[in-house]
N, C-alpha and C. Protein backbone atom coordinates (compact mmCIF):
# COMPACT_ATOMS: atom_id res chain seq x y z
N UNK A 1 103.30 33.50 15.10
CA UNK A 1 103.18 34.87 15.58
C UNK A 1 103.74 34.95 16.93
N UNK A 2 104.61 35.90 17.25
CA UNK A 2 105.10 36.08 18.56
C UNK A 2 104.19 36.97 19.38
N UNK A 3 104.07 36.72 20.63
CA UNK A 3 103.30 37.51 21.51
C UNK A 3 104.04 38.79 21.89
N UNK A 4 103.30 39.89 22.03
CA UNK A 4 103.91 41.17 22.45
C UNK A 4 104.05 41.09 23.96
N UNK A 5 104.81 42.10 24.50
CA UNK A 5 104.94 42.20 25.93
C UNK A 5 103.64 42.45 26.56
N UNK A 6 102.82 43.19 25.96
CA UNK A 6 101.49 43.51 26.52
C UNK A 6 100.64 42.21 26.63
N UNK A 7 100.70 41.36 25.66
CA UNK A 7 99.92 40.08 25.56
C UNK A 7 100.49 39.17 26.61
N UNK A 8 101.80 39.08 26.78
CA UNK A 8 102.43 38.26 27.78
C UNK A 8 102.07 38.75 29.19
N UNK A 9 102.11 39.98 29.39
CA UNK A 9 101.69 40.56 30.72
C UNK A 9 100.27 40.23 30.95
N UNK A 10 99.37 40.37 30.04
CA UNK A 10 97.96 40.04 30.22
C UNK A 10 97.77 38.61 30.63
N UNK A 11 98.45 37.76 29.94
CA UNK A 11 98.35 36.26 30.25
C UNK A 11 98.90 36.00 31.71
N UNK A 12 100.00 36.71 32.05
CA UNK A 12 100.57 36.54 33.40
C UNK A 12 99.53 37.02 34.53
N UNK A 13 99.00 38.20 34.22
CA UNK A 13 97.88 38.68 35.17
C UNK A 13 96.73 37.81 35.26
N UNK A 14 96.32 37.27 34.14
CA UNK A 14 95.10 36.36 34.15
C UNK A 14 95.44 35.15 34.90
N UNK A 15 96.59 34.56 34.67
CA UNK A 15 96.95 33.37 35.43
C UNK A 15 97.07 33.71 36.95
N UNK A 16 97.55 34.84 37.30
CA UNK A 16 97.63 35.28 38.71
C UNK A 16 96.27 35.41 39.32
N UNK A 17 95.42 36.02 38.62
CA UNK A 17 94.02 36.16 39.06
C UNK A 17 93.37 34.84 39.25
N UNK A 18 93.51 33.97 38.35
CA UNK A 18 92.82 32.65 38.46
C UNK A 18 93.39 31.96 39.59
N UNK A 19 94.66 31.96 39.80
CA UNK A 19 95.32 31.27 40.97
C UNK A 19 94.81 31.89 42.26
N UNK A 20 94.75 33.18 42.28
CA UNK A 20 94.19 33.85 43.50
C UNK A 20 92.75 33.44 43.79
N UNK A 21 91.90 33.32 42.78
CA UNK A 21 90.55 32.92 42.95
C UNK A 21 90.44 31.54 43.45
N UNK A 22 91.34 30.72 43.08
CA UNK A 22 91.31 29.23 43.47
C UNK A 22 91.96 29.10 44.84
N UNK A 23 92.46 30.21 45.44
CA UNK A 23 93.10 30.11 46.79
C UNK A 23 94.51 29.51 46.68
N UNK A 24 95.17 29.87 45.58
CA UNK A 24 96.54 29.31 45.35
C UNK A 24 97.57 30.15 46.17
N UNK A 25 98.78 29.75 46.10
CA UNK A 25 99.87 30.28 46.93
C UNK A 25 99.93 31.83 46.65
N UNK A 26 99.84 32.55 47.78
CA UNK A 26 99.83 33.97 47.56
C UNK A 26 101.17 34.52 47.05
N UNK A 27 102.29 33.82 47.36
CA UNK A 27 103.56 34.32 46.91
C UNK A 27 103.68 34.04 45.40
N UNK A 28 103.19 32.98 44.88
CA UNK A 28 103.14 32.70 43.45
C UNK A 28 102.28 33.79 42.76
N UNK A 29 101.09 34.08 43.30
CA UNK A 29 100.18 35.12 42.77
C UNK A 29 100.99 36.40 42.62
N UNK A 30 101.65 36.77 43.76
CA UNK A 30 102.38 38.05 43.76
C UNK A 30 103.55 38.04 42.73
N UNK A 31 104.23 36.87 42.59
CA UNK A 31 105.29 36.81 41.65
C UNK A 31 104.84 36.95 40.24
N UNK A 32 103.70 36.35 39.86
CA UNK A 32 103.14 36.41 38.53
C UNK A 32 102.76 37.88 38.24
N UNK A 33 102.17 38.61 39.20
CA UNK A 33 101.77 40.00 39.01
C UNK A 33 102.98 40.84 38.85
N UNK A 34 104.01 40.66 39.68
CA UNK A 34 105.26 41.39 39.64
C UNK A 34 105.94 41.10 38.23
N UNK A 35 105.90 39.96 37.80
CA UNK A 35 106.50 39.59 36.42
C UNK A 35 105.72 40.23 35.37
N UNK A 36 104.35 40.35 35.44
CA UNK A 36 103.56 41.08 34.41
C UNK A 36 103.97 42.50 34.28
N UNK A 37 104.18 43.18 35.44
CA UNK A 37 104.62 44.57 35.46
C UNK A 37 106.08 44.72 34.86
N UNK A 38 106.91 43.77 35.21
CA UNK A 38 108.28 43.84 34.67
C UNK A 38 108.32 43.61 33.23
N UNK A 39 107.46 42.67 32.67
CA UNK A 39 107.44 42.47 31.22
C UNK A 39 106.86 43.75 30.54
N UNK A 40 105.94 44.41 31.11
CA UNK A 40 105.43 45.62 30.49
C UNK A 40 106.46 46.71 30.47
N UNK A 41 107.33 46.71 31.40
CA UNK A 41 108.38 47.74 31.44
C UNK A 41 109.64 47.49 30.61
N UNK A 42 109.69 46.38 29.97
CA UNK A 42 110.90 46.09 29.16
C UNK A 42 110.99 47.00 27.93
N UNK A 43 112.18 47.46 27.66
CA UNK A 43 112.40 48.28 26.44
C UNK A 43 112.51 47.40 25.19
N UNK A 44 112.49 46.13 25.27
CA UNK A 44 112.63 45.18 24.20
C UNK A 44 111.59 44.12 24.37
N UNK A 45 111.26 43.38 23.28
CA UNK A 45 110.23 42.34 23.31
C UNK A 45 110.79 41.06 23.99
N UNK A 46 110.07 40.60 25.03
CA UNK A 46 110.46 39.47 25.74
C UNK A 46 110.57 38.21 24.88
N UNK A 47 109.70 38.08 23.93
CA UNK A 47 109.65 36.87 23.08
C UNK A 47 110.96 36.73 22.28
N UNK A 48 111.52 37.88 21.85
CA UNK A 48 112.74 37.87 21.10
C UNK A 48 113.87 37.33 21.95
N UNK A 49 113.90 37.73 23.25
CA UNK A 49 114.94 37.27 24.15
C UNK A 49 114.72 35.74 24.41
N UNK A 50 113.48 35.32 24.49
CA UNK A 50 113.15 33.92 24.86
C UNK A 50 113.47 33.02 23.64
N UNK A 51 113.37 33.50 22.38
CA UNK A 51 113.61 32.65 21.25
C UNK A 51 115.03 32.76 20.73
N UNK A 52 115.84 33.55 21.38
CA UNK A 52 117.24 33.68 20.93
C UNK A 52 118.16 33.21 22.01
N UNK A 53 119.50 33.39 21.76
CA UNK A 53 120.45 32.98 22.76
C UNK A 53 120.50 33.99 23.93
N UNK A 54 119.65 34.91 24.03
CA UNK A 54 119.62 35.92 25.05
C UNK A 54 118.66 35.66 26.13
N UNK A 55 118.30 34.39 26.38
CA UNK A 55 117.36 34.00 27.39
C UNK A 55 117.85 34.44 28.85
N UNK A 56 119.12 34.39 28.99
CA UNK A 56 119.69 34.87 30.28
C UNK A 56 119.34 36.38 30.58
N UNK A 57 119.21 37.14 29.47
CA UNK A 57 118.93 38.53 29.63
C UNK A 57 117.55 38.73 30.37
N UNK A 58 116.51 37.92 29.97
CA UNK A 58 115.24 38.04 30.53
C UNK A 58 115.22 37.68 32.02
N UNK A 59 115.96 36.54 32.32
CA UNK A 59 115.96 36.07 33.73
C UNK A 59 116.73 37.07 34.64
N UNK A 60 117.51 37.92 34.08
CA UNK A 60 118.24 38.90 34.93
C UNK A 60 117.46 40.22 35.22
N UNK A 61 116.18 40.20 34.67
CA UNK A 61 115.37 41.34 34.92
C UNK A 61 114.72 41.25 36.29
N UNK A 62 114.77 42.28 37.20
CA UNK A 62 114.21 42.10 38.44
C UNK A 62 112.65 41.77 38.34
N UNK A 63 112.14 40.83 39.00
CA UNK A 63 110.73 40.48 38.96
C UNK A 63 110.46 39.33 38.03
N UNK A 64 111.42 38.89 37.26
CA UNK A 64 111.18 37.74 36.33
C UNK A 64 112.16 36.70 36.77
N UNK A 65 111.68 35.69 37.39
CA UNK A 65 112.53 34.56 37.81
C UNK A 65 112.48 33.41 36.92
N UNK A 66 113.32 32.39 37.22
CA UNK A 66 113.40 31.19 36.37
C UNK A 66 112.03 30.57 36.07
N UNK A 67 111.10 30.50 37.07
CA UNK A 67 109.85 29.85 36.90
C UNK A 67 108.97 30.62 35.87
N UNK A 68 109.06 31.95 35.93
CA UNK A 68 108.33 32.74 34.97
C UNK A 68 108.86 32.58 33.55
N UNK A 69 110.25 32.51 33.46
CA UNK A 69 110.88 32.28 32.18
C UNK A 69 110.43 30.95 31.59
N UNK A 70 110.41 29.92 32.42
CA UNK A 70 109.89 28.63 32.00
C UNK A 70 108.50 28.66 31.44
N UNK A 71 107.67 29.33 32.18
CA UNK A 71 106.24 29.47 31.81
C UNK A 71 106.07 30.24 30.53
N UNK A 72 106.81 31.29 30.33
CA UNK A 72 106.77 32.06 29.06
C UNK A 72 107.25 31.28 27.91
N UNK A 73 108.37 30.46 28.10
CA UNK A 73 108.84 29.59 27.04
C UNK A 73 107.84 28.55 26.69
N UNK A 74 107.15 28.04 27.68
CA UNK A 74 106.06 27.00 27.48
C UNK A 74 104.97 27.64 26.62
N UNK A 75 104.50 28.87 26.97
CA UNK A 75 103.47 29.56 26.14
C UNK A 75 103.95 29.74 24.73
N UNK A 76 105.26 30.09 24.54
CA UNK A 76 105.75 30.43 23.19
C UNK A 76 105.82 29.12 22.33
N UNK A 77 106.02 27.93 23.02
CA UNK A 77 106.13 26.72 22.28
C UNK A 77 104.79 26.09 21.83
N UNK A 78 103.69 26.68 22.38
CA UNK A 78 102.39 26.21 22.10
C UNK A 78 101.71 27.04 20.96
N UNK A 79 100.84 26.44 20.24
CA UNK A 79 100.04 27.25 19.26
C UNK A 79 99.30 28.35 19.97
N UNK A 80 98.92 29.33 19.23
CA UNK A 80 98.25 30.57 19.79
C UNK A 80 97.00 30.15 20.55
N UNK A 81 96.29 29.18 20.01
CA UNK A 81 95.01 28.82 20.66
C UNK A 81 95.11 27.84 21.79
N UNK A 82 96.34 27.43 22.12
CA UNK A 82 96.60 26.44 23.20
C UNK A 82 96.38 26.96 24.55
N UNK A 83 96.35 26.06 25.52
CA UNK A 83 96.15 26.41 26.89
C UNK A 83 97.38 27.12 27.43
N UNK A 84 97.22 27.63 28.64
CA UNK A 84 98.44 28.37 29.32
C UNK A 84 99.22 27.38 30.13
N UNK A 85 99.09 26.06 29.97
CA UNK A 85 99.90 25.19 30.76
C UNK A 85 99.29 24.47 31.90
N UNK A 86 98.11 24.92 32.26
CA UNK A 86 97.42 24.29 33.42
C UNK A 86 96.03 23.81 32.99
N UNK A 87 95.84 23.64 31.68
CA UNK A 87 94.52 23.16 31.19
C UNK A 87 93.47 24.25 30.95
N UNK A 88 93.86 25.51 31.28
CA UNK A 88 92.90 26.59 31.07
C UNK A 88 93.31 27.40 29.90
N UNK A 89 92.30 27.75 29.06
CA UNK A 89 92.64 28.63 27.94
C UNK A 89 92.68 30.02 28.49
N UNK A 90 93.70 30.82 28.16
CA UNK A 90 93.78 32.15 28.61
C UNK A 90 92.68 33.01 28.13
N UNK A 91 92.14 33.88 28.97
CA UNK A 91 90.94 34.69 28.62
C UNK A 91 91.16 35.56 27.40
N UNK A 92 92.45 36.11 27.31
CA UNK A 92 92.77 36.98 26.18
C UNK A 92 92.71 36.26 24.89
N UNK A 93 92.86 34.93 24.90
CA UNK A 93 92.89 34.17 23.66
C UNK A 93 91.55 33.47 23.44
N UNK A 94 90.65 33.38 24.40
CA UNK A 94 89.43 32.62 24.28
C UNK A 94 88.24 33.53 23.82
N UNK A 95 88.50 34.89 23.68
CA UNK A 95 87.45 35.77 23.31
C UNK A 95 86.65 36.35 24.39
N UNK A 96 87.08 36.14 25.66
CA UNK A 96 86.27 36.68 26.79
C UNK A 96 86.44 38.20 26.93
């Protein structure tokens, strides 16, 4: 099952919030939050672009950099119940 833009944005925001609570890099937190808003504003599903030859289309969206594209691709390559890449299960998937 592919994640919707809303689900991807929620995961990005959750990761940004967790990073902020842990005292992480403020610029990374800001980038993740900006990427969440950019994903929400897309007129097409980000997962379709990530799973097709149109990956470059997603990285050309303002607010979505190569690091975020890598993170989204990592999330898509994991089973739905998997962690978000840093050992933490995303809140939206853990039933919180």
